[in-house]
Amino acid sequence: MLNAYRQSKYAKPYFFIDDQLAKLRTHGLVIQNSEAARSMLRECGYFRFTGYAYYFKQDDDFPPGTTFGQIANLYKFDESVRKKFVEGLEMIEVWLRSQLSNRLGFYHPFAHRIPAYLRKDSSIWTAGSLSIKQSKHIGWIADYSREERRSQSDFVQHFRRKYGPHLPVWAATYVHTMGESGTRSLIPYWPHQKIISRSFLT
């Protein structure tokens, strides 16, 4: 695996920033402020910058009058939109964690570890065969437990010293990650998902 790169046909040499600017100029890009352009390439990298430059090219060259600043402005606009999007996702994530802890905590401090609280029909949670949903919950608990053990947050360490190793749901929702092994995997098996979704729209 260490020598897998030898299979690549890529053989282009390393370019310093001034070489990168010179290459852009050979393709017809107008660079009015070389120092600002250098700063931009140091900030985002040549490879990333040329990804935005691609939208300005015709064949392999830039149309006459295309400037470095135009591409830089597109990059900055995209970054600002990306940041706003991430901020919005963070707000939704905090809200969702709060909803999960409030709804599940009402039933039991450790409801996230008890499958019966996560479905309308608890009859499948028997000692017989594992259902698909039960096995998914076991997988989720295994992933969450690893995160819980790894957490070194001050509030987690304080809780461990005072109460033991496992966190109640209102703390657990702030320890585990969002994604396939996090909240996203827990909600589909939970009877209050409609209540949460309705409260989000109000």
N, C-alpha and C. Protein backbone atom coordinates (compact mmCIF):
# COMPACT_ATOMS: atom_id res chain seq x y z
N MET A 1 0.82 -1.21 0.00
CA MET A 1 0.00 0.00 0.00
C MET A 1 0.86 1.27 0.00
N LEU A 2 2.03 1.21 0.67
CA LEU A 2 2.87 2.39 0.75
C LEU A 2 3.40 2.81 -0.61
N ASN A 3 3.56 1.86 -1.52
CA ASN A 3 4.09 2.16 -2.84
C ASN A 3 3.02 2.26 -3.91
N ALA A 4 1.75 2.33 -3.48
CA ALA A 4 0.65 2.37 -4.44
C ALA A 4 0.73 3.60 -5.34
N TYR A 5 1.36 4.67 -4.83
CA TYR A 5 1.45 5.90 -5.63
C TYR A 5 2.23 5.68 -6.92
N ARG A 6 3.07 4.62 -6.96
CA ARG A 6 3.87 4.37 -8.15
C ARG A 6 3.01 4.01 -9.36
N GLN A 7 1.77 3.61 -9.10
CA GLN A 7 0.86 3.27 -10.18
C GLN A 7 0.27 4.52 -10.85
N SER A 8 0.45 5.67 -10.22
CA SER A 8 -0.09 6.91 -10.77
C SER A 8 0.77 7.41 -11.94
N LYS A 9 0.10 7.96 -12.94
CA LYS A 9 0.80 8.51 -14.10
C LYS A 9 1.11 10.00 -13.92
N TYR A 10 0.71 10.56 -12.77
CA TYR A 10 0.93 11.99 -12.52
C TYR A 10 2.42 12.25 -12.33
N ALA A 11 2.96 13.17 -13.13
CA ALA A 11 4.40 13.44 -13.05
C ALA A 11 4.72 14.93 -13.08
N LYS A 12 3.72 15.78 -12.81
CA LYS A 12 3.97 17.22 -12.85
C LYS A 12 4.80 17.64 -11.65
N PRO A 13 5.72 18.60 -11.82
CA PRO A 13 6.57 19.03 -10.71
C PRO A 13 5.82 19.97 -9.76
N TYR A 14 6.42 20.16 -8.60
CA TYR A 14 5.88 21.12 -7.63
C TYR A 14 6.07 22.53 -8.15
N PHE A 15 5.04 23.37 -7.99
CA PHE A 15 5.11 24.77 -8.41
C PHE A 15 5.06 25.68 -7.19
N PHE A 16 6.01 26.61 -7.11
CA PHE A 16 5.93 27.66 -6.10
C PHE A 16 4.81 28.62 -6.49
N ILE A 17 4.41 29.47 -5.55
CA ILE A 17 3.26 30.35 -5.80
C ILE A 17 3.50 31.25 -7.01
N ASP A 18 4.70 31.80 -7.15
CA ASP A 18 4.96 32.65 -8.32
C ASP A 18 4.87 31.84 -9.61
N ASP A 19 5.27 30.58 -9.56
CA ASP A 19 5.13 29.72 -10.73
C ASP A 19 3.66 29.46 -11.04
N GLN A 20 2.86 29.34 -9.98
CA GLN A 20 1.42 29.12 -10.16
C GLN A 20 0.78 30.34 -10.84
N LEU A 21 1.18 31.53 -10.39
CA LEU A 21 0.65 32.75 -11.00
C LEU A 21 1.08 32.86 -12.47
N ALA A 22 2.32 32.49 -12.73
CA ALA A 22 2.81 32.54 -14.11
C ALA A 22 2.02 31.58 -14.99
N LYS A 23 1.70 30.42 -14.46
CA LYS A 23 0.93 29.45 -15.24
C LYS A 23 -0.47 29.97 -15.53
N LEU A 24 -1.09 30.61 -14.54
CA LEU A 24 -2.42 31.19 -14.77
C LEU A 24 -2.36 32.27 -15.85
N ARG A 25 -1.28 33.05 -15.84
CA ARG A 25 -1.13 34.10 -16.85
C ARG A 25 -0.98 33.50 -18.25
N THR A 26 -0.27 32.39 -18.35
CA THR A 26 -0.09 31.77 -19.68
C THR A 26 -1.41 31.30 -20.26
N HIS A 27 -2.40 31.09 -19.38
CA HIS A 27 -3.73 30.68 -19.85
C HIS A 27 -4.65 31.88 -20.05
N GLY A 28 -4.09 33.09 -19.94
CA GLY A 28 -4.85 34.29 -20.26
C GLY A 28 -5.50 35.00 -19.09
N LEU A 29 -5.22 34.59 -17.86
CA LEU A 29 -5.83 35.24 -16.71
C LEU A 29 -5.12 36.55 -16.40
N VAL A 30 -5.89 37.60 -16.19
CA VAL A 30 -5.34 38.91 -15.86
C VAL A 30 -5.15 38.99 -14.34
N ILE A 31 -3.91 39.21 -13.90
CA ILE A 31 -3.61 39.33 -12.47
C ILE A 31 -3.12 40.75 -12.23
N GLN A 32 -3.98 41.57 -11.69
CA GLN A 32 -3.67 42.99 -11.53
C GLN A 32 -2.86 43.28 -10.27
N ASN A 33 -3.05 42.48 -9.23
CA ASN A 33 -2.35 42.69 -7.97
C ASN A 33 -1.68 41.38 -7.56
N SER A 34 -0.42 41.28 -7.88
CA SER A 34 0.30 40.02 -7.65
C SER A 34 0.37 39.65 -6.17
N GLU A 35 0.56 40.65 -5.31
CA GLU A 35 0.68 40.36 -3.88
C GLU A 35 -0.64 39.84 -3.32
N ALA A 36 -1.76 40.46 -3.73
CA ALA A 36 -3.08 39.98 -3.29
C ALA A 36 -3.34 38.57 -3.82
N ALA A 37 -2.88 38.31 -5.05
CA ALA A 37 -3.06 36.98 -5.63
C ALA A 37 -2.24 35.94 -4.87
N ARG A 38 -1.01 36.30 -4.51
CA ARG A 38 -0.18 35.38 -3.71
C ARG A 38 -0.86 35.06 -2.39
N SER A 39 -1.37 36.10 -1.74
CA SER A 39 -2.06 35.92 -0.45
C SER A 39 -3.26 34.99 -0.60
N MET A 40 -3.98 35.15 -1.70
CA MET A 40 -5.16 34.31 -1.94
C MET A 40 -4.77 32.85 -2.12
N LEU A 41 -3.72 32.60 -2.88
CA LEU A 41 -3.28 31.22 -3.11
C LEU A 41 -2.72 30.60 -1.84
N ARG A 42 -2.07 31.41 -1.00
CA ARG A 42 -1.60 30.89 0.28
C ARG A 42 -2.78 30.52 1.17
N GLU A 43 -3.87 31.29 1.04
CA GLU A 43 -5.05 31.06 1.88
C GLU A 43 -5.81 29.80 1.47
N CYS A 44 -6.06 29.65 0.18
CA CYS A 44 -6.95 28.55 -0.24
C CYS A 44 -6.24 27.44 -1.01
N GLY A 45 -5.03 27.71 -1.51
CA GLY A 45 -4.32 26.69 -2.26
C GLY A 45 -4.64 26.75 -3.75
N TYR A 46 -3.64 26.43 -4.55
CA TYR A 46 -3.78 26.51 -6.01
C TYR A 46 -4.83 25.53 -6.52
N PHE A 47 -4.81 24.33 -6.01
CA PHE A 47 -5.73 23.30 -6.50
C PHE A 47 -7.18 23.71 -6.26
N ARG A 48 -7.46 24.23 -5.08
CA ARG A 48 -8.82 24.67 -4.76
C ARG A 48 -9.21 25.89 -5.61
N PHE A 49 -8.28 26.82 -5.77
CA PHE A 49 -8.56 28.02 -6.55
C PHE A 49 -8.89 27.67 -7.99
N THR A 50 -8.12 26.76 -8.58
CA THR A 50 -8.36 26.41 -9.98
C THR A 50 -9.68 25.66 -10.15
N GLY A 51 -10.20 25.09 -9.08
CA GLY A 51 -11.54 24.50 -9.15
C GLY A 51 -12.59 25.55 -9.44
N TYR A 52 -12.42 26.73 -8.88
CA TYR A 52 -13.34 27.85 -9.16
C TYR A 52 -13.02 28.49 -10.51
N ALA A 53 -11.74 28.50 -10.86
CA ALA A 53 -11.34 29.07 -12.15
C ALA A 53 -11.91 28.28 -13.32
N TYR A 54 -12.17 27.02 -13.09
CA TYR A 54 -12.68 26.14 -14.15
C TYR A 54 -13.96 26.70 -14.77
N TYR A 55 -14.80 27.34 -13.95
CA TYR A 55 -16.08 27.85 -14.44
C TYR A 55 -15.91 29.05 -15.38
N PHE A 56 -14.73 29.65 -15.39
CA PHE A 56 -14.48 30.80 -16.26
C PHE A 56 -13.80 30.40 -17.57
N LYS A 57 -13.26 29.20 -17.62
CA LYS A 57 -12.46 28.80 -18.78
C LYS A 57 -13.31 28.44 -19.99
N GLN A 58 -12.73 28.67 -21.15
CA GLN A 58 -13.27 28.16 -22.41
C GLN A 58 -12.18 27.29 -23.02
N ASP A 59 -12.48 26.02 -23.17
CA ASP A 59 -11.45 25.03 -23.51
C ASP A 59 -10.41 25.04 -22.39
N ASP A 60 -9.18 25.42 -22.69
CA ASP A 60 -8.15 25.37 -21.65
C ASP A 60 -7.69 26.76 -21.22
N ASP A 61 -8.28 27.79 -21.83
CA ASP A 61 -7.84 29.16 -21.55
C ASP A 61 -8.99 30.02 -21.03
N PHE A 62 -8.62 31.18 -20.48
CA PHE A 62 -9.61 32.13 -19.99
C PHE A 62 -10.02 33.08 -21.12
N PRO A 63 -11.28 33.46 -21.18
CA PRO A 63 -11.71 34.46 -22.16
C PRO A 63 -10.98 35.78 -21.90
N PRO A 64 -10.74 36.58 -22.93
CA PRO A 64 -10.05 37.87 -22.75
C PRO A 64 -10.73 38.73 -21.68
N GLY A 65 -9.92 39.30 -20.80
CA GLY A 65 -10.44 40.19 -19.77
C GLY A 65 -10.81 39.50 -18.46
N THR A 66 -10.71 38.17 -18.42
CA THR A 66 -11.01 37.46 -17.16
C THR A 66 -9.92 37.77 -16.14
N THR A 67 -10.32 38.17 -14.94
CA THR A 67 -9.35 38.58 -13.93
C THR A 67 -9.29 37.61 -12.75
N PHE A 68 -8.15 37.63 -12.10
CA PHE A 68 -7.96 36.85 -10.87
C PHE A 68 -9.00 37.25 -9.84
N GLY A 69 -9.28 38.56 -9.77
CA GLY A 69 -10.24 39.06 -8.79
C GLY A 69 -11.64 38.50 -8.98
N GLN A 70 -12.05 38.26 -10.22
CA GLN A 70 -13.37 37.68 -10.47
C GLN A 70 -13.47 36.28 -9.87
N ILE A 71 -12.43 35.51 -10.05
CA ILE A 71 -12.42 34.15 -9.49
C ILE A 71 -12.35 34.20 -7.97
N ALA A 72 -11.54 35.13 -7.45
CA ALA A 72 -11.44 35.28 -5.99
C ALA A 72 -12.78 35.67 -5.39
N ASN A 73 -13.52 36.53 -6.08
CA ASN A 73 -14.84 36.94 -5.58
C ASN A 73 -15.82 35.77 -5.56
N LEU A 74 -15.75 34.92 -6.58
CA LEU A 74 -16.61 33.73 -6.60
C LEU A 74 -16.27 32.81 -5.43
N TYR A 75 -14.97 32.63 -5.19
CA TYR A 75 -14.52 31.80 -4.07
C TYR A 75 -15.03 32.36 -2.74
N LYS A 76 -14.89 33.67 -2.54
CA LYS A 76 -15.31 34.29 -1.28
C LYS A 76 -16.83 34.21 -1.10
N PHE A 77 -17.56 34.38 -2.19
CA PHE A 77 -19.02 34.25 -2.11
C PHE A 77 -19.41 32.83 -1.71
N ASP A 78 -18.77 31.86 -2.33
CA ASP A 78 -19.07 30.46 -2.01
C ASP A 78 -18.74 30.15 -0.56
N GLU A 79 -17.63 30.68 -0.07
CA GLU A 79 -17.25 30.47 1.32
C GLU A 79 -18.26 31.09 2.28
N SER A 80 -18.76 32.28 1.94
CA SER A 80 -19.74 32.94 2.82
C SER A 80 -21.04 32.15 2.87
N VAL A 81 -21.47 31.63 1.71
CA VAL A 81 -22.68 30.80 1.68
C VAL A 81 -22.47 29.53 2.48
N ARG A 82 -21.30 28.93 2.33
CA ARG A 82 -20.98 27.70 3.05
C ARG A 82 -21.02 27.92 4.57
N LYS A 83 -20.46 29.05 5.01
CA LYS A 83 -20.44 29.35 6.45
C LYS A 83 -21.85 29.56 6.99
N LYS A 84 -22.69 30.27 6.22
CA LYS A 84 -24.08 30.48 6.64
C LYS A 84 -24.82 29.15 6.73
N PHE A 85 -24.56 28.28 5.78
CA PHE A 85 -25.20 26.97 5.77
C PHE A 85 -24.79 26.16 7.00
N VAL A 86 -23.49 26.18 7.31
CA VAL A 86 -22.99 25.45 8.47
C VAL A 86 -23.58 26.02 9.76
N GLU A 87 -23.67 27.35 9.84
CA GLU A 87 -24.27 27.98 11.02
C GLU A 87 -25.71 27.52 11.20
N GLY A 88 -26.45 27.45 10.09
CA GLY A 88 -27.84 26.98 10.15
C GLY A 88 -27.92 25.54 10.61
N LEU A 89 -27.03 24.69 10.10
CA LEU A 89 -27.01 23.29 10.51
C LEU A 89 -26.69 23.15 11.99
N GLU A 90 -25.78 23.98 12.48
CA GLU A 90 -25.42 23.92 13.90
C GLU A 90 -26.61 24.29 14.78
N MET A 91 -27.38 25.29 14.35
CA MET A 91 -28.58 25.68 15.11
C MET A 91 -29.59 24.53 15.14
N ILE A 92 -29.78 23.88 13.99
CA ILE A 92 -30.71 22.75 13.92
C ILE A 92 -30.21 21.60 14.79
N GLU A 93 -28.90 21.36 14.76
CA GLU A 93 -28.32 20.27 15.56
C GLU A 93 -28.55 20.49 17.05
N VAL A 94 -28.29 21.71 17.53
CA VAL A 94 -28.50 22.01 18.95
C VAL A 94 -29.97 21.83 19.31
N TRP A 95 -30.86 22.33 18.45
CA TRP A 95 -32.31 22.20 18.70
C TRP A 95 -32.71 20.73 18.74
N LEU A 96 -32.20 19.93 17.80
CA LEU A 96 -32.58 18.52 17.73
C LEU A 96 -32.08 17.75 18.94
N ARG A 97 -30.86 18.03 19.37
CA ARG A 97 -30.33 17.37 20.57
C ARG A 97 -31.22 17.70 21.78
N SER A 98 -31.63 18.96 21.88
CA SER A 98 -32.49 19.37 23.00
C SER A 98 -33.82 18.64 22.95
N GLN A 99 -34.41 18.54 21.76
CA GLN A 99 -35.69 17.85 21.62
C GLN A 99 -35.58 16.38 22.00
N LEU A 100 -34.51 15.74 21.55
CA LEU A 100 -34.31 14.33 21.88
C LEU A 100 -34.19 14.12 23.38
N SER A 101 -33.38 14.96 24.03
CA SER A 101 -33.19 14.79 25.47
C SER A 101 -34.48 15.06 26.24
N ASN A 102 -35.26 16.07 25.81
CA ASN A 102 -36.50 16.39 26.51
C ASN A 102 -37.55 15.30 26.34
N ARG A 103 -37.72 14.81 25.11
CA ARG A 103 -38.76 13.81 24.86
C ARG A 103 -38.42 12.47 25.48
N LEU A 104 -37.18 12.02 25.30
CA LEU A 104 -36.80 10.72 25.85
C LEU A 104 -36.62 10.79 27.36
N GLY A 105 -36.06 11.89 27.86
CA GLY A 105 -35.83 12.02 29.29
C GLY A 105 -37.11 12.00 30.10
N PHE A 106 -38.23 12.40 29.49
CA PHE A 106 -39.53 12.37 30.16
C PHE A 106 -39.88 10.95 30.59
N TYR A 107 -39.47 9.96 29.81
CA TYR A 107 -39.83 8.57 30.10
C TYR A 107 -38.83 7.87 31.01
N HIS A 108 -37.55 8.14 30.81
CA HIS A 108 -36.55 7.44 31.62
C HIS A 108 -35.20 8.15 31.44
N PRO A 109 -34.42 8.30 32.52
CA PRO A 109 -33.12 8.95 32.39
C PRO A 109 -32.19 8.26 31.38
N PHE A 110 -32.40 6.94 31.20
CA PHE A 110 -31.56 6.18 30.27
C PHE A 110 -32.38 5.60 29.13
N ALA A 111 -33.39 6.35 28.68
CA ALA A 111 -34.30 5.86 27.65
C ALA A 111 -33.57 5.51 26.35
N HIS A 112 -32.47 6.20 26.07
CA HIS A 112 -31.73 5.92 24.83
C HIS A 112 -31.11 4.53 24.84
N ARG A 113 -30.99 3.93 26.03
CA ARG A 113 -30.43 2.58 26.14
C ARG A 113 -31.51 1.50 26.25
N ILE A 114 -32.77 1.91 26.26
CA ILE A 114 -33.87 0.96 26.45
C ILE A 114 -34.70 0.91 25.17
N PRO A 115 -34.59 -0.15 24.38
CA PRO A 115 -35.28 -0.22 23.09
C PRO A 115 -36.78 0.00 23.16
N ALA A 116 -37.42 -0.40 24.25
CA ALA A 116 -38.88 -0.29 24.35
C ALA A 116 -39.35 1.15 24.27
N TYR A 117 -38.50 2.10 24.61
CA TYR A 117 -38.90 3.51 24.55
C TYR A 117 -38.71 4.10 23.15
N LEU A 118 -38.18 3.32 22.26
CA LEU A 118 -37.82 3.86 20.95
C LEU A 118 -38.75 3.43 19.83
N ARG A 119 -39.79 2.66 20.14
CA ARG A 119 -40.74 2.23 19.12
C ARG A 119 -42.15 2.22 19.69
N LYS A 120 -43.15 2.31 18.82
CA LYS A 120 -44.54 2.20 19.25
C LYS A 120 -44.84 0.78 19.70
N ASP A 121 -44.37 -0.20 18.94
CA ASP A 121 -44.66 -1.61 19.20
C ASP A 121 -43.48 -2.23 19.91
N SER A 122 -43.57 -2.36 21.23
CA SER A 122 -42.45 -2.90 22.00
C SER A 122 -42.46 -4.42 22.06
N SER A 123 -43.45 -5.04 21.42
CA SER A 123 -43.56 -6.49 21.51
C SER A 123 -42.41 -7.21 20.82
N ILE A 124 -41.72 -6.52 19.88
CA ILE A 124 -40.63 -7.21 19.19
C ILE A 124 -39.38 -7.29 20.06
N TRP A 125 -39.35 -6.51 21.15
CA TRP A 125 -38.17 -6.52 21.99
C TRP A 125 -38.24 -7.67 22.99
N THR A 126 -38.16 -8.87 22.47
CA THR A 126 -38.23 -10.07 23.31
C THR A 126 -36.89 -10.78 23.24
N ALA A 127 -36.78 -11.84 24.01
CA ALA A 127 -35.53 -12.59 24.04
C ALA A 127 -35.41 -13.54 22.85
N GLY A 128 -36.38 -13.52 21.97
CA GLY A 128 -36.34 -14.40 20.80
C GLY A 128 -35.37 -13.89 19.75
N SER A 129 -35.78 -13.94 18.51
CA SER A 129 -34.89 -13.52 17.44
C SER A 129 -34.75 -12.00 17.42
N LEU A 130 -33.59 -11.54 17.00
CA LEU A 130 -33.35 -10.11 16.89
C LEU A 130 -34.05 -9.56 15.66
N SER A 131 -34.82 -8.50 15.83
CA SER A 131 -35.39 -7.83 14.66
C SER A 131 -34.33 -6.95 14.03
N ILE A 132 -34.59 -6.48 12.82
CA ILE A 132 -33.65 -5.58 12.16
C ILE A 132 -33.47 -4.31 12.98
N LYS A 133 -34.60 -3.77 13.48
CA LYS A 133 -34.52 -2.53 14.23
C LYS A 133 -33.80 -2.72 15.56
N GLN A 134 -34.02 -3.88 16.18
CA GLN A 134 -33.33 -4.14 17.43
C GLN A 134 -31.83 -4.25 17.19
N SER A 135 -31.44 -4.95 16.14
CA SER A 135 -30.02 -5.11 15.86
C SER A 135 -29.39 -3.77 15.51
N LYS A 136 -30.15 -2.87 14.84
CA LYS A 136 -29.63 -1.54 14.55
C LYS A 136 -29.45 -0.74 15.83
N HIS A 137 -30.38 -0.91 16.77
CA HIS A 137 -30.24 -0.18 18.03
C HIS A 137 -29.03 -0.68 18.79
N ILE A 138 -28.79 -2.00 18.77
CA ILE A 138 -27.61 -2.55 19.43
C ILE A 138 -26.34 -1.96 18.80
N GLY A 139 -26.35 -1.86 17.47
CA GLY A 139 -25.20 -1.26 16.79
C GLY A 139 -25.02 0.20 17.16
N TRP A 140 -26.15 0.92 17.26
CA TRP A 140 -26.08 2.33 17.64
C TRP A 140 -25.52 2.47 19.05
N ILE A 141 -26.01 1.64 19.98
CA ILE A 141 -25.53 1.69 21.36
C ILE A 141 -24.04 1.39 21.42
N ALA A 142 -23.57 0.44 20.63
CA ALA A 142 -22.14 0.11 20.62
C ALA A 142 -21.32 1.31 20.17
N ASP A 143 -21.78 1.99 19.11
CA ASP A 143 -21.07 3.18 18.62
C ASP A 143 -21.11 4.30 19.65
N TYR A 144 -22.31 4.52 20.22
CA TYR A 144 -22.44 5.59 21.21
C TYR A 144 -21.57 5.31 22.44
N SER A 145 -21.56 4.05 22.90
CA SER A 145 -20.80 3.70 24.10
C SER A 145 -19.31 3.98 23.91
N ARG A 146 -18.81 3.74 22.71
CA ARG A 146 -17.41 4.07 22.43
C ARG A 146 -17.17 5.57 22.55
N GLU A 147 -18.10 6.35 22.03
CA GLU A 147 -17.97 7.81 22.13
C GLU A 147 -18.05 8.26 23.58
N GLU A 148 -18.94 7.63 24.34
CA GLU A 148 -19.10 7.98 25.74
C GLU A 148 -17.82 7.71 26.51
N ARG A 149 -17.20 6.56 26.25
CA ARG A 149 -15.95 6.21 26.95
C ARG A 149 -14.80 7.14 26.56
N ARG A 150 -14.80 7.59 25.30
CA ARG A 150 -13.70 8.45 24.83
C ARG A 150 -13.84 9.89 25.31
N SER A 151 -15.05 10.29 25.64
CA SER A 151 -15.29 11.70 25.98
C SER A 151 -14.50 12.11 27.22
N GLN A 152 -13.79 13.22 27.10
CA GLN A 152 -13.01 13.75 28.22
C GLN A 152 -13.50 15.13 28.65
N SER A 153 -14.73 15.47 28.27
CA SER A 153 -15.30 16.76 28.66
C SER A 153 -15.36 16.87 30.17
N ASP A 154 -15.22 18.08 30.68
CA ASP A 154 -15.23 18.29 32.12
C ASP A 154 -16.52 17.78 32.76
N PHE A 155 -17.66 18.06 32.12
CA PHE A 155 -18.93 17.65 32.72
C PHE A 155 -19.07 16.13 32.72
N VAL A 156 -18.50 15.46 31.71
CA VAL A 156 -18.56 13.99 31.64
C VAL A 156 -17.70 13.39 32.74
N GLN A 157 -16.49 13.90 32.92
CA GLN A 157 -15.60 13.37 33.96
C GLN A 157 -16.18 13.61 35.35
N HIS A 158 -16.80 14.77 35.54
CA HIS A 158 -17.44 15.06 36.83
C HIS A 158 -18.58 14.07 37.09
N PHE A 159 -19.38 13.80 36.06
CA PHE A 159 -20.50 12.88 36.22
C PHE A 159 -20.00 11.48 36.55
N ARG A 160 -18.95 11.04 35.86
CA ARG A 160 -18.41 9.70 36.12
C ARG A 160 -17.96 9.55 37.56
N ARG A 161 -17.26 10.56 38.06
CA ARG A 161 -16.77 10.48 39.43
C ARG A 161 -17.92 10.42 40.44
N LYS A 162 -19.00 11.12 40.13
CA LYS A 162 -20.09 11.24 41.10
C LYS A 162 -21.13 10.13 40.97
N TYR A 163 -21.44 9.72 39.72
CA TYR A 163 -22.57 8.80 39.52
C TYR A 163 -22.23 7.48 38.85
N GLY A 164 -21.10 7.38 38.17
CA GLY A 164 -20.79 6.15 37.46
C GLY A 164 -20.52 6.39 35.98
N PRO A 165 -20.29 5.31 35.22
CA PRO A 165 -19.80 5.47 33.85
C PRO A 165 -20.80 5.92 32.80
N HIS A 166 -22.11 5.64 33.00
CA HIS A 166 -23.08 5.90 31.94
C HIS A 166 -23.84 7.21 32.15
N LEU A 167 -24.01 7.94 31.05
CA LEU A 167 -24.67 9.25 31.10
C LEU A 167 -26.16 9.13 30.86
N PRO A 168 -26.98 9.96 31.53
CA PRO A 168 -28.41 10.00 31.22
C PRO A 168 -28.62 10.64 29.85
N VAL A 169 -29.82 10.49 29.33
CA VAL A 169 -30.07 10.91 27.95
C VAL A 169 -29.84 12.40 27.74
N TRP A 170 -30.13 13.24 28.74
CA TRP A 170 -29.96 14.68 28.55
C TRP A 170 -28.49 15.08 28.47
N ALA A 171 -27.60 14.23 28.96
CA ALA A 171 -26.16 14.46 28.76
C ALA A 171 -25.66 13.69 27.54
N ALA A 172 -26.23 12.51 27.33
CA ALA A 172 -25.79 11.66 26.22
C ALA A 172 -26.00 12.33 24.87
N THR A 173 -27.07 13.10 24.74
CA THR A 173 -27.36 13.73 23.45
C THR A 173 -26.31 14.76 23.07
N TYR A 174 -25.49 15.20 24.03
CA TYR A 174 -24.45 16.17 23.71
C TYR A 174 -23.08 15.51 23.58
N VAL A 175 -23.03 14.19 23.80
CA VAL A 175 -21.77 13.46 23.68
C VAL A 175 -21.65 12.80 22.31
N HIS A 176 -22.73 12.16 21.86
CA HIS A 176 -22.63 11.43 20.59
C HIS A 176 -22.68 12.37 19.41
N THR A 177 -22.13 11.89 18.29
CA THR A 177 -22.07 12.71 17.09
C THR A 177 -23.33 12.56 16.26
N MET A 178 -23.61 13.58 15.45
CA MET A 178 -24.69 13.49 14.49
C MET A 178 -24.19 12.66 13.31
N GLY A 179 -25.10 12.00 12.63
CA GLY A 179 -24.71 11.23 11.45
C GLY A 179 -25.27 9.83 11.50
N GLU A 180 -24.68 8.95 10.69
CA GLU A 180 -25.21 7.60 10.57
C GLU A 180 -25.23 6.87 11.90
N SER A 181 -24.20 7.07 12.73
CA SER A 181 -24.15 6.36 14.00
C SER A 181 -24.64 7.22 15.16
N GLY A 182 -25.24 8.37 14.85
CA GLY A 182 -25.70 9.27 15.89
C GLY A 182 -27.19 9.44 15.89
N THR A 183 -27.63 10.68 16.10
CA THR A 183 -29.06 10.97 16.22
C THR A 183 -29.85 10.49 15.02
N ARG A 184 -29.27 10.59 13.84
CA ARG A 184 -29.98 10.19 12.64
C ARG A 184 -30.38 8.73 12.69
N SER A 185 -29.58 7.88 13.33
CA SER A 185 -29.90 6.46 13.43
C SER A 185 -30.90 6.18 14.53
N LEU A 186 -31.06 7.08 15.46
CA LEU A 186 -31.95 6.85 16.60
C LEU A 186 -33.37 7.30 16.31
N ILE A 187 -33.54 8.41 15.63
CA ILE A 187 -34.87 8.97 15.42
C ILE A 187 -35.85 8.04 14.71
N PRO A 188 -35.49 7.34 13.64
CA PRO A 188 -36.49 6.54 12.92
C PRO A 188 -37.20 5.49 13.76
N TYR A 189 -36.61 5.08 14.88
CA TYR A 189 -37.23 4.05 15.70
C TYR A 189 -37.90 4.63 16.93
N TRP A 190 -38.18 5.91 16.89
CA TRP A 190 -38.65 6.61 18.07
C TRP A 190 -40.06 7.13 17.82
N PRO A 191 -41.03 6.91 18.72
CA PRO A 191 -42.43 7.24 18.44
C PRO A 191 -42.75 8.73 18.36
N HIS A 192 -41.83 9.59 18.77
CA HIS A 192 -42.16 11.02 18.84
C HIS A 192 -41.54 11.84 17.72
N GLN A 193 -41.12 11.20 16.67
CA GLN A 193 -40.49 11.95 15.59
C GLN A 193 -41.45 12.96 14.96
N LYS A 194 -42.74 12.62 14.89
CA LYS A 194 -43.71 13.56 14.31
C LYS A 194 -43.91 14.77 15.22
N ILE A 195 -43.87 14.53 16.53
CA ILE A 195 -44.01 15.65 17.47
C ILE A 195 -42.84 16.61 17.31
N ILE A 196 -41.64 16.06 17.18
CA ILE A 196 -40.46 16.88 17.00
C ILE A 196 -40.53 17.67 15.70
N SER A 197 -40.92 16.98 14.63
CA SER A 197 -40.97 17.66 13.33
C SER A 197 -42.01 18.77 13.33
N ARG A 198 -43.15 18.54 14.01
CA ARG A 198 -44.18 19.59 14.07
C ARG A 198 -43.69 20.79 14.87
N SER A 199 -42.99 20.53 15.97
CA SER A 199 -42.51 21.64 16.79
C SER A 199 -41.46 22.46 16.06
N PHE A 200 -40.74 21.82 15.13
CA PHE A 200 -39.74 22.55 14.35
C PHE A 200 -40.40 23.55 13.41
N LEU A 201 -41.61 23.25 12.97
CA LEU A 201 -42.31 24.09 12.00
C LEU A 201 -43.11 25.21 12.66
N THR A 202 -43.22 25.18 14.00
CA THR A 202 -44.03 26.20 14.68
C THR A 202 -43.16 27.39 15.10
